[in-house]
């Protein structure tokens, strides 16, 4: 019994020696510094679409375009494309980025680019925005294409392209005042025109601060002729009795309807023409006049 009581006393003393525990809590602040990463342009380019809905020029293609230079005419479409990157995400509803397009030098507003798609389906940080603008009554002639955005570069203009030629001035010249034959007789055949070879030259330019900046246009060239007549005389030299070649035989008779020659590029080198005439065997003497015309159609 004494041994049993001793054991009980020891347990009670152990219980009494355990201090009383109260419930308590405390915390420390947590911090995370997220950098404000502004959006950025990662690619931008323009395209020119003609009135047949054919893309004739793309800034990305260099010399592989259908047109030799970046010119556009009334009725054709200018497409402005911008790909932007925003690590914080680019959202459509509500749209988190607004990008406006302009033409210099008059700061002509041409529209707001429209969200097209994300560059990768699961990545909302990269997206393509585009605008299609139809050229109409825009001042000639050389323009910069640029965009502004309140969320990208804090609204500073971003130049996409600096040489868009709008409705460039087209010029055409012939090396002589006329195509002339002299000393002809009835029945003369294959007589070369005086001063062969003639040169026909086409060019295009824009005025920039009073200076001519030449544009490398492409064009279709056609030729047409008329009968040669003289006042008060019923005799004439038929149009098809005049023939031409473009620097080398064989010669082709002129027609009273336009004949398509080829597609050419406006360069400093004139297109060569030689002209020849056959005189009818029965014709009155005198000075006969007619017309040789060229048609230039800019592509």
Protein backbone atom coordinates (compact mmCIF):
# COMPACT_ATOMS: atom_id res chain seq x y z
CA UNK A 1 0.00 0.00 0.00
CA UNK A 2 2.77 2.48 0.82
CA UNK A 3 4.36 1.73 -2.52
CA UNK A 4 1.07 2.40 -4.36
CA UNK A 5 0.51 5.76 -2.60
CA UNK A 6 4.02 6.85 -3.55
CA UNK A 7 3.36 6.28 -7.19
CA UNK A 8 0.18 8.39 -7.09
CA UNK A 9 1.92 11.30 -5.47
CA UNK A 10 4.67 11.28 -8.10
CA UNK A 11 2.16 11.48 -10.96
CA UNK A 12 0.34 14.39 -9.34
CA UNK A 13 3.57 16.31 -8.90
CA UNK A 14 4.40 15.82 -12.59
CA UNK A 15 0.99 17.15 -13.61
CA UNK A 16 1.33 20.16 -11.39
CA UNK A 17 4.77 21.00 -12.90
CA UNK A 18 3.40 21.36 -16.49
CA UNK A 19 2.76 25.08 -17.11
CA UNK A 20 -0.62 26.30 -18.37
CA UNK A 21 -0.56 26.97 -22.24
CA UNK A 22 -2.77 29.78 -23.73
CA UNK A 23 -3.76 30.08 -27.48
CA UNK A 24 -1.77 32.81 -29.33
CA UNK A 25 -0.91 33.81 -33.02
CA UNK A 26 1.29 36.32 -34.91
CA UNK A 27 2.23 37.09 -38.55
CA UNK A 28 4.77 38.84 -40.79
CA UNK A 29 4.08 40.89 -43.99
CA UNK A 30 4.73 39.33 -47.42
CA UNK A 31 5.92 41.41 -50.40
CA UNK A 32 6.14 40.82 -54.19
CA UNK A 33 7.52 43.48 -56.55
CA UNK A 34 5.98 43.05 -60.04
CA UNK A 35 7.66 45.17 -62.73
CA UNK A 36 5.35 47.30 -64.87
CA UNK A 37 6.36 45.86 -68.27
CA UNK A 38 5.01 48.13 -70.98
CA UNK A 39 3.73 46.74 -74.27
CA UNK A 40 6.03 46.76 -77.28
CA UNK A 41 5.81 46.52 -81.08
CA UNK A 42 7.52 43.36 -82.28
CA UNK A 43 6.62 43.58 -85.99
CA UNK A 44 4.84 46.08 -88.23
CA UNK A 45 4.36 46.31 -92.00
CA UNK A 46 2.10 47.63 -94.76
CA UNK A 47 0.55 45.98 -97.81
CA UNK A 48 -0.95 47.46 -100.99
CA UNK A 49 -4.01 45.76 -102.54
CA UNK A 50 -5.09 46.85 -106.02
CA UNK A 51 -8.68 47.25 -107.24
CA UNK A 52 -8.70 43.62 -108.45
CA UNK A 53 -8.11 42.59 -104.82
CA UNK A 54 -4.58 41.44 -105.64
CA UNK A 55 -1.75 42.12 -103.20
CA UNK A 56 0.77 43.95 -105.36
CA UNK A 57 3.21 45.12 -102.69
CA UNK A 58 4.19 43.87 -99.25
CA UNK A 59 6.82 45.62 -97.14
CA UNK A 60 8.17 42.26 -95.98
CA UNK A 61 8.86 40.88 -99.47
CA UNK A 62 11.48 43.30 -100.79
CA UNK A 63 12.12 42.71 -104.49
CA UNK A 64 9.65 39.81 -104.74
CA UNK A 65 6.59 42.05 -105.12
CA UNK A 66 4.39 42.40 -108.21
CA UNK A 67 5.12 46.13 -108.17
CA UNK A 68 8.65 47.44 -108.31
CA UNK A 69 7.93 50.21 -105.80
CA UNK A 70 5.56 51.14 -102.98
CA UNK A 71 3.05 53.33 -104.86
CA UNK A 72 -0.70 53.35 -104.36
CA UNK A 73 -3.56 54.98 -106.26
CA UNK A 74 -7.08 56.14 -105.44
CA UNK A 75 -9.44 53.21 -104.99
CA UNK A 76 -6.71 50.85 -103.85
CA UNK A 77 -6.41 49.56 -100.28
CA UNK A 78 -3.61 50.14 -97.80
CA UNK A 79 -3.36 47.47 -95.10
CA UNK A 80 -1.52 48.40 -91.90
CA UNK A 81 -0.44 45.47 -89.69
CA UNK A 82 1.06 45.54 -86.20
CA UNK A 83 2.01 42.70 -83.87
CA UNK A 84 2.40 43.80 -80.25
CA UNK A 85 3.66 42.05 -77.15
CA UNK A 86 2.34 42.68 -73.66
CA UNK A 87 3.42 40.33 -70.88
CA UNK A 88 0.36 41.47 -68.88
CA UNK A 89 -1.96 40.14 -71.59
CA UNK A 90 -3.86 41.59 -74.55
CA UNK A 91 -7.59 41.34 -74.03
CA UNK A 92 -10.48 41.78 -76.43
CA UNK A 93 -13.40 42.64 -74.16
CA UNK A 94 -12.85 45.28 -73.15
CA UNK A 95 -10.00 45.84 -75.61
CA UNK A 96 -6.85 46.52 -73.64
CA UNK A 97 -4.96 48.24 -76.49
CA UNK A 98 -6.00 50.92 -78.98
CA UNK A 99 -3.71 51.58 -81.96
CA UNK A 100 -4.39 54.45 -84.39
CA UNK A 101 -2.79 54.80 -87.83
CA UNK A 102 -1.71 58.04 -89.55
CA UNK A 103 -0.07 59.35 -92.71
CA UNK A 104 2.47 62.17 -92.67
CA UNK A 105 3.18 64.96 -93.37
CA UNK A 106 -0.31 66.22 -92.46
CA UNK A 107 -0.92 63.81 -89.56
CA UNK A 108 -3.85 62.40 -91.51
CA UNK A 109 -5.77 59.94 -89.33
CA UNK A 110 -6.73 56.89 -91.40
CA UNK A 111 -8.31 54.68 -88.73
CA UNK A 112 -7.96 52.42 -85.71
CA UNK A 113 -6.39 49.01 -86.06
CA UNK A 114 -8.69 46.08 -85.22
CA UNK A 115 -7.69 43.06 -83.15
CA UNK A 116 -7.31 40.04 -85.46
CA UNK A 117 -5.98 37.08 -83.49
CA UNK A 118 -3.39 35.89 -81.01
CA UNK A 119 -0.13 34.70 -82.54
CA UNK A 120 -0.44 31.48 -80.55
CA UNK A 121 -3.87 30.18 -79.38
CA UNK A 122 -2.84 29.76 -75.75
CA UNK A 123 -0.65 32.86 -75.54
CA UNK A 124 -2.57 36.09 -74.88
CA UNK A 125 0.59 38.20 -74.74
CA UNK A 126 1.12 38.49 -78.54
CA UNK A 127 -1.57 39.62 -80.98
CA UNK A 128 -2.02 40.96 -84.50
CA UNK A 129 -3.91 44.21 -85.15
CA UNK A 130 -4.80 45.36 -88.69
CA UNK A 131 -6.46 48.20 -90.59
CA UNK A 132 -7.67 48.33 -94.21
CA UNK A 133 -7.91 51.87 -95.58
CA UNK A 134 -9.14 52.74 -99.08
CA UNK A 135 -7.15 55.56 -100.67
CA UNK A 136 -9.36 58.50 -101.62
CA UNK A 137 -8.48 62.19 -101.88
CA UNK A 138 -5.23 61.81 -99.90
CA UNK A 139 -2.78 64.57 -100.72
CA UNK A 140 0.02 63.60 -103.08
CA UNK A 141 2.53 62.19 -102.78
CA UNK A 142 5.25 60.75 -100.42
CA UNK A 143 4.05 59.76 -96.96
CA UNK A 144 5.24 58.09 -93.79
CA UNK A 145 2.92 55.47 -92.30
CA UNK A 146 2.96 55.42 -88.52
CA UNK A 147 0.85 54.44 -85.51
CA UNK A 148 0.18 55.79 -82.06
CA UNK A 149 -1.12 54.00 -78.97
CA UNK A 150 -1.79 55.09 -75.42
CA UNK A 151 -0.63 51.72 -74.15
CA UNK A 152 2.38 51.15 -76.40
CA UNK A 153 5.37 53.48 -76.01
CA UNK A 154 3.06 55.84 -74.10
CA UNK A 155 1.56 57.29 -77.26
CA UNK A 156 4.78 58.18 -79.09
CA UNK A 157 4.53 57.77 -82.89
CA UNK A 158 5.96 54.52 -84.21
CA UNK A 159 7.03 54.69 -87.87
CA UNK A 160 6.16 51.62 -89.92
CA UNK A 161 7.21 52.77 -93.41
CA UNK A 162 8.62 56.02 -94.76
CA UNK A 163 8.06 55.88 -98.54
CA UNK A 164 4.42 55.34 -99.47
CA UNK A 165 3.86 57.11 -102.80
CA UNK A 166 0.23 58.17 -103.23
CA UNK A 167 -0.88 58.91 -106.82
CA UNK A 168 2.61 59.80 -108.09
CA UNK A 169 2.80 62.13 -111.07
CA UNK A 170 3.35 60.17 -114.31
CA UNK A 171 5.28 61.68 -117.23
CA UNK A 172 5.83 60.51 -120.80
CA UNK A 173 8.16 61.91 -123.45
CA UNK A 174 9.18 61.19 -127.02
CA UNK A 175 12.64 61.92 -128.32
CA UNK A 176 11.43 63.96 -131.33
CA UNK A 177 8.60 66.35 -132.08
CA UNK A 178 7.33 64.05 -134.85
CA UNK A 179 8.06 60.95 -136.90
CA UNK A 180 9.08 62.27 -140.31
CA UNK A 181 9.63 60.94 -143.83
CA UNK A 182 10.79 63.05 -146.75
CA UNK A 183 11.62 62.45 -150.42
CA UNK A 184 9.00 59.72 -150.85
CA UNK A 185 7.67 58.50 -154.21
CA UNK A 186 4.51 56.59 -155.10
CA UNK A 187 5.24 52.92 -154.58
CA UNK A 188 8.15 53.45 -152.13
CA UNK A 189 8.32 50.55 -149.67
CA UNK A 190 9.99 49.98 -146.31
CA UNK A 191 11.37 53.51 -146.09
CA UNK A 192 12.86 54.20 -142.67
CA UNK A 193 11.71 57.30 -140.85
CA UNK A 194 14.15 60.15 -140.61
CA UNK A 195 16.01 59.99 -137.30
CA UNK A 196 15.32 56.35 -136.46
CA UNK A 197 15.78 55.15 -133.69
CA UNK A 198 13.29 57.13 -131.58
CA UNK A 199 12.99 56.83 -127.83
CA UNK A 200 9.82 56.73 -125.71
CA UNK A 201 10.31 57.33 -122.02
CA UNK A 202 7.92 57.02 -119.04
CA UNK A 203 8.65 58.21 -115.53
CA UNK A 204 6.88 58.96 -112.26
CA UNK A 205 7.79 61.19 -109.36
CA UNK A 206 6.66 62.78 -106.12
CA UNK A 207 7.44 66.31 -105.03
CA UNK A 208 9.15 66.41 -101.64
CA UNK A 209 10.04 69.89 -100.40
CA UNK A 210 10.12 71.06 -104.01
CA UNK A 211 12.43 68.26 -105.17
CA UNK A 212 11.44 65.43 -107.51
CA UNK A 213 11.71 61.99 -105.92
CA UNK A 214 11.42 59.40 -108.68
CA UNK A 215 9.15 56.39 -108.28
CA UNK A 216 9.89 53.12 -110.01
CA UNK A 217 6.43 52.41 -111.47
CA UNK A 218 5.41 49.49 -113.68
CA UNK A 219 3.11 50.06 -116.65
CA UNK A 220 1.48 48.49 -119.69
CA UNK A 221 2.31 50.16 -122.99
CA UNK A 222 0.08 50.09 -126.09
CA UNK A 223 0.37 51.80 -129.48
CA UNK A 224 -2.19 53.05 -132.02
CA UNK A 225 -2.05 54.90 -135.34
CA UNK A 226 -4.23 56.80 -137.82
CA UNK A 227 -4.40 57.10 -141.59
CA UNK A 228 -2.22 59.84 -143.05
CA UNK A 229 -4.24 62.40 -144.98
CA UNK A 230 -3.98 65.89 -146.49
CA UNK A 231 -6.64 68.58 -146.69
CA UNK A 232 -8.78 68.60 -149.82
CA UNK A 233 -7.44 65.30 -151.14
CA UNK A 234 -9.25 61.98 -151.06
CA UNK A 235 -6.06 59.94 -151.31
CA UNK A 236 -4.48 58.79 -148.05
CA UNK A 237 -1.73 56.54 -146.71
CA UNK A 238 -3.44 53.75 -144.75
CA UNK A 239 -2.48 53.31 -141.12
CA UNK A 240 -1.23 49.75 -141.73
CA UNK A 241 1.25 51.08 -144.30
CA UNK A 242 3.21 52.43 -141.35
CA UNK A 243 5.08 49.78 -139.41
CA UNK A 244 7.30 49.77 -136.34
CA UNK A 245 9.75 47.65 -134.46
CA UNK A 246 11.18 48.05 -130.98
CA UNK A 247 14.84 48.11 -131.85
CA UNK A 248 14.96 44.91 -133.87
CA UNK A 249 12.96 43.37 -136.76
CA UNK A 250 10.45 42.23 -137.82
CA UNK A 251 8.34 45.36 -138.17
CA UNK A 252 4.64 45.29 -137.21
CA UNK A 253 1.96 47.31 -139.05
CA UNK A 254 0.21 50.00 -137.02
CA UNK A 255 -3.45 49.48 -136.22
CA UNK A 256 -6.33 51.92 -135.70
CA UNK A 257 -7.07 50.09 -132.45
CA UNK A 258 -4.67 49.90 -129.53
CA UNK A 259 -2.08 47.12 -129.75
CA UNK A 260 -0.63 45.97 -126.42
CA UNK A 261 3.17 45.92 -126.53
CA UNK A 262 4.42 44.73 -123.15
CA UNK A 263 4.83 45.55 -119.47
CA UNK A 264 7.68 47.94 -118.74
CA UNK A 265 9.34 49.53 -115.76
CA UNK A 266 9.96 53.25 -115.49
CA UNK A 267 13.71 53.62 -115.77
CA UNK A 268 16.14 56.13 -117.20
CA UNK A 269 16.44 54.11 -120.44
CA UNK A 270 13.95 55.05 -123.21
CA UNK A 271 12.12 52.30 -125.12
CA UNK A 272 13.45 52.23 -128.72
CA UNK A 273 11.15 52.51 -131.75
CA UNK A 274 11.91 52.38 -135.48
CA UNK A 275 9.22 53.37 -138.00
CA UNK A 276 8.88 52.47 -141.69
CA UNK A 277 6.40 53.43 -144.43
CA UNK A 278 5.01 51.98 -147.64
CA UNK A 279 3.58 54.55 -150.07
CA UNK A 280 0.62 53.48 -152.22
CA UNK A 281 1.46 53.17 -155.91
CA UNK A 282 -1.37 55.55 -156.84
CA UNK A 283 -1.38 58.67 -154.67
CA UNK A 284 -1.34 62.40 -155.20
CA UNK A 285 1.77 64.33 -154.24
CA UNK A 286 1.60 66.44 -151.12
CA UNK A 287 2.21 66.56 -147.38
CA UNK A 288 0.32 63.83 -145.53
CA UNK A 289 -0.09 63.90 -141.77
CA UNK A 290 -1.35 61.44 -139.20
CA UNK A 291 -0.88 60.45 -135.58
CA UNK A 292 1.01 57.80 -133.64
CA UNK A 293 -0.19 57.56 -130.04
CA UNK A 294 0.91 55.59 -126.98
CA UNK A 295 -1.25 54.48 -124.07
CA UNK A 296 0.37 54.11 -120.64
CA UNK A 297 -1.54 52.16 -117.98
CA UNK A 298 0.15 52.15 -114.58
CA UNK A 299 -0.07 48.73 -112.97
